[in-house]
Amino acid sequence: SVETIFVWDFDWTIINCNSDEYVPAGFLGDEEVAKRITAEMKEHGPTKWHECVANLINACMLEKACSNDDILEKAAEMPYLIDVKQALTDVANNKHCRQAIISDGNDKFI
């Protein structure tokens, strides 16, 4: 039998936001995250995006006393696209299809 493989990107496809910014903003606020990510990028450079995001998540945990479960609960609140959710379900229920969700570095929230 022929199989079709669906490959989905996570941010802006499965969820309707940038998870790297959404989750820390839930604890630090949008303006604070924008300020800190800009400072992190200036200090570490654009090739260190994932390290900058990890620093933001660590700041949430230290400054706001967030647990790993708090971080994951915030991630579960990310907005998703309803039609995409249905498509994921349809593909999952089709025995001739497989699927994968990919991200450039986000495996914690997926």
Foldseek 3Di string as FASTA:
>chain_A
DAAAEAEAEVDCAFFNHDLLQQLLCVQVNNVVSVVQQVVVCVVPNPVCNVVSSVVSVVCSCVVVVDDLVNSQVSLVPTHGDPVSVVVVVVQVPDPRYHYYYDYPDDPSSD
